[in-house]
Amino acid sequence: MSYAVLFEPEKCQGYANCLIEAPEIWDFDEDENRAVLRVAGPGDALRPKAEASARCCPAQAIRIEEPS
């Protein structure tokens, strides 16, 4: 794994933009009205979608972390 998707659920405001951008990585909890990270290390093939989900989050609850 060359990167990780980091999610701060307490910042999530329920816009679900991440789910629209990357349904392979995200789910949505209707009861909590927030996104759910399904795959923290989605792999290189899904990196563009992971990055798009981070970019489109209005609450800035998602970020991509490179390995140290």
PDB file of N, CA and C in Angstrom:
ATOM      1  N   MET A   1       0.848  -1.181   0.000  1.00  0.00           N
ATOM      2  CA  MET A   1       0.000   0.000   0.000  1.00  0.00           C
ATOM      3  C   MET A   1       0.888   1.236   0.000  1.00  0.00           C
ATOM      4  N   SER A   2       0.662   2.127  -0.910  1.00  0.00           N
ATOM      5  CA  SER A   2       1.509   3.301  -1.049  1.00  0.00           C
ATOM      6  C   SER A   2       0.904   4.560  -0.422  1.00  0.00           C
ATOM      7  N   TYR A   3      -0.301   4.479   0.096  1.00  0.00           N
ATOM      8  CA  TYR A   3      -0.946   5.629   0.726  1.00  0.00           C
ATOM      9  C   TYR A   3      -2.090   5.118   1.594  1.00  0.00           C
ATOM     10  N   ALA A   4      -2.628   6.009   2.414  1.00  0.00           N
ATOM     11  CA  ALA A   4      -3.783   5.653   3.243  1.00  0.00           C
ATOM     12  C   ALA A   4      -4.816   6.760   3.158  1.00  0.00           C
ATOM     13  N   VAL A   5      -6.069   6.383   3.237  1.00  0.00           N
ATOM     14  CA  VAL A   5      -7.161   7.343   3.310  1.00  0.00           C
ATOM     15  C   VAL A   5      -7.469   7.536   4.788  1.00  0.00           C
ATOM     16  N   LEU A   6      -7.363   8.770   5.250  1.00  0.00           N
ATOM     17  CA  LEU A   6      -7.668   9.085   6.637  1.00  0.00           C
ATOM     18  C   LEU A   6      -8.974   9.863   6.681  1.00  0.00           C
ATOM     19  N   PHE A   7      -9.833   9.475   7.615  1.00  0.00           N
ATOM     20  CA  PHE A   7     -11.169  10.048   7.710  1.00  0.00           C
ATOM     21  C   PHE A   7     -11.431  10.470   9.147  1.00  0.00           C
ATOM     22  N   GLU A   8     -11.935  11.689   9.317  1.00  0.00           N
ATOM     23  CA  GLU A   8     -12.319  12.199  10.623  1.00  0.00           C
ATOM     24  C   GLU A   8     -13.850  12.280  10.664  1.00  0.00           C
ATOM     25  N   PRO A   9     -14.509  11.212  11.120  1.00  0.00           N
ATOM     26  CA  PRO A   9     -15.971  11.161  11.049  1.00  0.00           C
ATOM     27  C   PRO A   9     -16.677  12.277  11.809  1.00  0.00           C
ATOM     28  N   GLU A  10     -16.038  12.802  12.855  1.00  0.00           N
ATOM     29  CA  GLU A  10     -16.670  13.882  13.615  1.00  0.00           C
ATOM     30  C   GLU A  10     -16.778  15.168  12.801  1.00  0.00           C
ATOM     31  N   LYS A  11     -15.986  15.309  11.755  1.00  0.00           N
ATOM     32  CA  LYS A  11     -16.063  16.475  10.869  1.00  0.00           C
ATOM     33  C   LYS A  11     -17.099  16.295   9.756  1.00  0.00           C
ATOM     34  N   CYS A  12     -17.478  15.066   9.483  1.00  0.00           N
ATOM     35  CA  CYS A  12     -18.387  14.769   8.364  1.00  0.00           C
ATOM     36  C   CYS A  12     -19.728  15.460   8.569  1.00  0.00           C
ATOM     37  N   GLN A  13     -20.217  16.116   7.520  1.00  0.00           N
ATOM     38  CA  GLN A  13     -21.495  16.820   7.564  1.00  0.00           C
ATOM     39  C   GLN A  13     -22.558  16.149   6.703  1.00  0.00           C
ATOM     40  N   GLY A  14     -22.245  14.972   6.178  1.00  0.00           N
ATOM     41  CA  GLY A  14     -23.243  14.179   5.473  1.00  0.00           C
ATOM     42  C   GLY A  14     -23.533  14.575   4.041  1.00  0.00           C
ATOM     43  N   TYR A  15     -22.625  15.281   3.390  1.00  0.00           N
ATOM     44  CA  TYR A  15     -22.853  15.666   1.997  1.00  0.00           C
ATOM     45  C   TYR A  15     -22.806  14.467   1.052  1.00  0.00           C
ATOM     46  N   ALA A  16     -22.042  13.445   1.396  1.00  0.00           N
ATOM     47  CA  ALA A  16     -21.891  12.205   0.615  1.00  0.00           C
ATOM     48  C   ALA A  16     -21.172  12.408  -0.718  1.00  0.00           C
ATOM     49  N   ASN A  17     -20.451  13.509  -0.870  1.00  0.00           N
ATOM     50  CA  ASN A  17     -19.662  13.704  -2.091  1.00  0.00           C
ATOM     51  C   ASN A  17     -18.632  12.596  -2.254  1.00  0.00           C
ATOM     52  N   CYS A  18     -18.063  12.144  -1.140  1.00  0.00           N
ATOM     53  CA  CYS A  18     -17.064  11.076  -1.185  1.00  0.00           C
ATOM     54  C   CYS A  18     -17.667   9.798  -1.766  1.00  0.00           C
ATOM     55  N   LEU A  19     -18.867   9.487  -1.365  1.00  0.00           N
ATOM     56  CA  LEU A  19     -19.547   8.289  -1.863  1.00  0.00           C
ATOM     57  C   LEU A  19     -19.831   8.406  -3.359  1.00  0.00           C
ATOM     58  N   ILE A  20     -20.181   9.577  -3.798  1.00  0.00           N
ATOM     59  CA  ILE A  20     -20.432   9.806  -5.227  1.00  0.00           C
ATOM     60  C   ILE A  20     -19.143   9.624  -6.017  1.00  0.00           C
ATOM     61  N   GLU A  21     -18.039  10.145  -5.487  1.00  0.00           N
ATOM     62  CA  GLU A  21     -16.752  10.060  -6.176  1.00  0.00           C
ATOM     63  C   GLU A  21     -16.135   8.668  -6.131  1.00  0.00           C
ATOM     64  N   ALA A  22     -16.325   7.961  -5.013  1.00  0.00           N
ATOM     65  CA  ALA A  22     -15.622   6.682  -4.832  1.00  0.00           C
ATOM     66  C   ALA A  22     -16.474   5.679  -4.055  1.00  0.00           C
ATOM     67  N   PRO A  23     -17.510   5.141  -4.672  1.00  0.00           N
ATOM     68  CA  PRO A  23     -18.363   4.182  -3.967  1.00  0.00           C
ATOM     69  C   PRO A  23     -17.642   2.887  -3.592  1.00  0.00           C
ATOM     70  N   GLU A  24     -16.491   2.646  -4.209  1.00  0.00           N
ATOM     71  CA  GLU A  24     -15.703   1.465  -3.872  1.00  0.00           C
ATOM     72  C   GLU A  24     -15.014   1.628  -2.509  1.00  0.00           C
ATOM     73  N   ILE A  25     -14.875   2.874  -2.066  1.00  0.00           N
ATOM     74  CA  ILE A  25     -14.143   3.180  -0.839  1.00  0.00           C
ATOM     75  C   ILE A  25     -15.081   3.581   0.301  1.00  0.00           C
ATOM     76  N   TRP A  26     -16.202   4.208  -0.040  1.00  0.00           N
ATOM     77  CA  TRP A  26     -17.088   4.807   0.953  1.00  0.00           C
ATOM     78  C   TRP A  26     -18.453   4.156   0.994  1.00  0.00           C
ATOM     79  N   ASP A  27     -19.092   4.284   2.128  1.00  0.00           N
ATOM     80  CA  ASP A  27     -20.491   3.922   2.314  1.00  0.00           C
ATOM     81  C   ASP A  27     -21.118   5.080   3.084  1.00  0.00           C
ATOM     82  N   PHE A  28     -22.412   4.992   3.355  1.00  0.00           N
ATOM     83  CA  PHE A  28     -23.078   6.073   4.074  1.00  0.00           C
ATOM     84  C   PHE A  28     -23.982   5.480   5.138  1.00  0.00           C
ATOM     85  N   ASP A  29     -23.862   5.993   6.353  1.00  0.00           N
ATOM     86  CA  ASP A  29     -24.695   5.565   7.473  1.00  0.00           C
ATOM     87  C   ASP A  29     -25.873   6.527   7.581  1.00  0.00           C
ATOM     88  N   GLU A  30     -27.023   6.067   7.171  1.00  0.00           N
ATOM     89  CA  GLU A  30     -28.234   6.910   7.176  1.00  0.00           C
ATOM     90  C   GLU A  30     -28.612   7.336   8.589  1.00  0.00           C
ATOM     91  N   ASP A  31     -28.429   6.450   9.570  1.00  0.00           N
ATOM     92  CA  ASP A  31     -28.800   6.778  10.949  1.00  0.00           C
ATOM     93  C   ASP A  31     -27.921   7.883  11.525  1.00  0.00           C
ATOM     94  N   GLU A  32     -26.634   7.835  11.225  1.00  0.00           N
ATOM     95  CA  GLU A  32     -25.694   8.829  11.728  1.00  0.00           C
ATOM     96  C   GLU A  32     -25.555  10.032  10.793  1.00  0.00           C
ATOM     97  N   ASN A  33     -26.091   9.910   9.579  1.00  0.00           N
ATOM     98  CA  ASN A  33     -25.988  10.942   8.556  1.00  0.00           C
ATOM     99  C   ASN A  33     -24.530  11.331   8.306  1.00  0.00           C
ATOM    100  N   ARG A  34     -23.692  10.297   8.101  1.00  0.00           N
ATOM    101  CA  ARG A  34     -22.284  10.547   7.807  1.00  0.00           C
ATOM    102  C   ARG A  34     -21.705   9.412   6.985  1.00  0.00           C
ATOM    103  N   ALA A  35     -20.599   9.728   6.355  1.00  0.00           N
ATOM    104  CA  ALA A  35     -19.893   8.739   5.548  1.00  0.00           C
ATOM    105  C   ALA A  35     -19.247   7.684   6.447  1.00  0.00           C
ATOM    106  N   VAL A  36     -18.981   6.541   5.829  1.00  0.00           N
ATOM    107  CA  VAL A  36     -18.289   5.445   6.498  1.00  0.00           C
ATOM    108  C   VAL A  36     -17.163   5.000   5.575  1.00  0.00           C
ATOM    109  N   LEU A  37     -15.956   5.024   6.084  1.00  0.00           N
ATOM    110  CA  LEU A  37     -14.805   4.567   5.309  1.00  0.00           C
ATOM    111  C   LEU A  37     -14.780   3.048   5.320  1.00  0.00           C
ATOM    112  N   ARG A  38     -14.948   2.446   4.162  1.00  0.00           N
ATOM    113  CA  ARG A  38     -14.953   0.986   4.038  1.00  0.00           C
ATOM    114  C   ARG A  38     -13.561   0.427   3.810  1.00  0.00           C
ATOM    115  N   VAL A  39     -12.707   1.169   3.089  1.00  0.00           N
ATOM    116  CA  VAL A  39     -11.384   0.680   2.697  1.00  0.00           C
ATOM    117  C   VAL A  39     -10.345   1.771   2.954  1.00  0.00           C
ATOM    118  N   ALA A  40      -9.556   1.623   4.012  1.00  0.00           N
ATOM    119  CA  ALA A  40      -8.558   2.637   4.353  1.00  0.00           C
ATOM    120  C   ALA A  40      -7.340   2.591   3.436  1.00  0.00           C
ATOM    121  N   GLY A  41      -7.058   1.423   2.860  1.00  0.00           N
ATOM    122  CA  GLY A  41      -5.940   1.266   1.933  1.00  0.00           C
ATOM    123  C   GLY A  41      -6.424   0.712   0.621  1.00  0.00           C
ATOM    124  N   PRO A  42      -7.071   1.548  -0.197  1.00  0.00           N
ATOM    125  CA  PRO A  42      -7.722   1.047  -1.406  1.00  0.00           C
ATOM    126  C   PRO A  42      -6.800   0.630  -2.547  1.00  0.00           C
ATOM    127  N   GLY A  43      -5.521   0.897  -2.449  1.00  0.00           N
ATOM    128  CA  GLY A  43      -4.604   0.470  -3.503  1.00  0.00           C
ATOM    129  C   GLY A  43      -4.452   1.491  -4.613  1.00  0.00           C
ATOM    130  N   ASP A  44      -3.418   1.287  -5.402  1.00  0.00           N
ATOM    131  CA  ASP A  44      -3.053   2.255  -6.437  1.00  0.00           C
ATOM    132  C   ASP A  44      -4.113   2.420  -7.519  1.00  0.00           C
ATOM    133  N   ALA A  45      -4.835   1.364  -7.845  1.00  0.00           N
ATOM    134  CA  ALA A  45      -5.849   1.458  -8.899  1.00  0.00           C
ATOM    135  C   ALA A  45      -6.963   2.438  -8.534  1.00  0.00           C
ATOM    136  N   LEU A  46      -7.251   2.566  -7.240  1.00  0.00           N
ATOM    137  CA  LEU A  46      -8.321   3.468  -6.795  1.00  0.00           C
ATOM    138  C   LEU A  46      -7.801   4.814  -6.290  1.00  0.00           C
ATOM    139  N   ARG A  47      -6.512   5.050  -6.415  1.00  0.00           N
ATOM    140  CA  ARG A  47      -5.945   6.303  -5.909  1.00  0.00           C
ATOM    141  C   ARG A  47      -6.611   7.545  -6.499  1.00  0.00           C
ATOM    142  N   PRO A  48      -6.847   7.612  -7.821  1.00  0.00           N
ATOM    143  CA  PRO A  48      -7.525   8.810  -8.345  1.00  0.00           C
ATOM    144  C   PRO A  48      -8.893   9.042  -7.694  1.00  0.00           C
ATOM    145  N   LYS A  49      -9.621   7.984  -7.437  1.00  0.00           N
ATOM    146  CA  LYS A  49     -10.930   8.135  -6.793  1.00  0.00           C
ATOM    147  C   LYS A  49     -10.780   8.537  -5.332  1.00  0.00           C
ATOM    148  N   ALA A  50      -9.783   7.988  -4.656  1.00  0.00           N
ATOM    149  CA  ALA A  50      -9.534   8.356  -3.259  1.00  0.00           C
ATOM    150  C   ALA A  50      -9.180   9.843  -3.169  1.00  0.00           C
ATOM    151  N   GLU A  51      -8.310  10.295  -4.058  1.00  0.00           N
ATOM    152  CA  GLU A  51      -7.919  11.703  -4.071  1.00  0.00           C
ATOM    153  C   GLU A  51      -9.109  12.603  -4.397  1.00  0.00           C
ATOM    154  N   ALA A  52      -9.947  12.168  -5.324  1.00  0.00           N
ATOM    155  CA  ALA A  52     -11.142  12.949  -5.675  1.00  0.00           C
ATOM    156  C   ALA A  52     -12.088  13.044  -4.485  1.00  0.00           C
ATOM    157  N   SER A  53     -12.234  11.962  -3.739  1.00  0.00           N
ATOM    158  CA  SER A  53     -13.129  12.008  -2.581  1.00  0.00           C
ATOM    159  C   SER A  53     -12.597  12.976  -1.532  1.00  0.00           C
ATOM    160  N   ALA A  54     -11.287  13.036  -1.355  1.00  0.00           N
ATOM    161  CA  ALA A  54     -10.701  13.990  -0.402  1.00  0.00           C
ATOM    162  C   ALA A  54     -10.884  15.428  -0.888  1.00  0.00           C
ATOM    163  N   ARG A  55     -10.647  15.662  -2.170  1.00  0.00           N
ATOM    164  CA  ARG A  55     -10.779  17.016  -2.737  1.00  0.00           C
ATOM    165  C   ARG A  55     -12.201  17.543  -2.642  1.00  0.00           C
ATOM    166  N   CYS A  56     -13.171  16.680  -2.837  1.00  0.00           N
ATOM    167  CA  CYS A  56     -14.555  17.158  -2.931  1.00  0.00           C
ATOM    168  C   CYS A  56     -15.274  17.209  -1.587  1.00  0.00           C
ATOM    169  N   CYS A  57     -14.599  16.880  -0.488  1.00  0.00           N
ATOM    170  CA  CYS A  57     -15.246  16.924   0.825  1.00  0.00           C
ATOM    171  C   CYS A  57     -15.294  18.368   1.329  1.00  0.00           C
ATOM    172  N   PRO A  58     -16.483  18.963   1.394  1.00  0.00           N
ATOM    173  CA  PRO A  58     -16.582  20.350   1.844  1.00  0.00           C
ATOM    174  C   PRO A  58     -16.181  20.527   3.309  1.00  0.00           C
ATOM    175  N   ALA A  59     -16.291  19.472   4.102  1.00  0.00           N
ATOM    176  CA  ALA A  59     -15.958  19.546   5.530  1.00  0.00           C
ATOM    177  C   ALA A  59     -14.477  19.255   5.790  1.00  0.00           C
ATOM    178  N   GLN A  60     -13.743  18.925   4.764  1.00  0.00           N
ATOM    179  CA  GLN A  60     -12.314  18.574   4.875  1.00  0.00           C
ATOM    180  C   GLN A  60     -12.089  17.473   5.911  1.00  0.00           C
ATOM    181  N   ALA A  61     -12.962  16.466   5.869  1.00  0.00           N
ATOM    182  CA  ALA A  61     -12.891  15.343   6.796  1.00  0.00           C
ATOM    183  C   ALA A  61     -12.033  14.195   6.262  1.00  0.00           C
ATOM    184  N   ILE A  62     -11.551  14.327   5.028  1.00  0.00           N
ATOM    185  CA  ILE A  62     -10.796  13.254   4.377  1.00  0.00           C
ATOM    186  C   ILE A  62      -9.454  13.794   3.930  1.00  0.00           C
ATOM    187  N   ARG A  63      -8.427  12.983   4.135  1.00  0.00           N
ATOM    188  CA  ARG A  63      -7.126  13.342   3.569  1.00  0.00           C
ATOM    189  C   ARG A  63      -6.380  12.073   3.164  1.00  0.00           C
ATOM    190  N   ILE A  64      -5.450  12.265   2.279  1.00  0.00           N
ATOM    191  CA  ILE A  64      -4.601  11.170   1.798  1.00  0.00           C
ATOM    192  C   ILE A  64      -3.250  11.317   2.509  1.00  0.00           C
ATOM    193  N   GLU A  65      -2.788  10.233   3.078  1.00  0.00           N
ATOM    194  CA  GLU A  65      -1.506  10.266   3.774  1.00  0.00           C
ATOM    195  C   GLU A  65      -0.514   9.345   3.063  1.00  0.00           C
ATOM    196  N   GLU A  66       0.642   9.900   2.803  1.00  0.00           N
ATOM    197  CA  GLU A  66       1.719   9.143   2.195  1.00  0.00           C
ATOM    198  C   GLU A  66       2.481   8.401   3.294  1.00  0.00           C
ATOM    199  N   PRO A  67       3.077   7.263   2.978  1.00  0.00           N
ATOM    200  CA  PRO A  67       3.858   6.548   3.996  1.00  0.00           C
ATOM    201  C   PRO A  67       5.095   7.360   4.374  1.00  0.00           C
ATOM    202  N   SER A  68       5.524   7.188   5.612  1.00  0.00           N
ATOM    203  CA  SER A  68       6.711   7.935   6.038  1.00  0.00           C
ATOM    204  C   SER A  68       7.978   7.120   5.913  1.00  0.00           C
TER     205      SER A  68
END
